[in-house]
Amino acid sequence: MKLFLICQEQNNSYETYDSAVVAAPDEDTARQMDPGNGGEMEWGTPYSSWCESPNHVTVRYIGDAADDVDQGVVCASFNAG
């Protein structure tokens, strides 16, 4: 598993995520992840705490995870309101 920083700057209101560190096998999987639950993002939902499409997600590889780390969110930044 690899570690990625995922970020978005489209939806910066209250009750939104601006970034997260996720464990994923590759960049494409990381880009599709929901920072709120670690599952695959449901794009185009009427209210979203993330951005509206994967095109707005910036992904940066930051390193390799320990062998026992499973796919999912390691840490997320949430802007509570």
Foldseek 3Di string as FASTA:
>chain_A
DFKKKKAFDPDDDAFAWGIFIWDDPDDVLVLQAQLVWQHGDDAPDPDDNYDRDSVRMDMDTDGHDPPPDDTGTPGTHHHHD
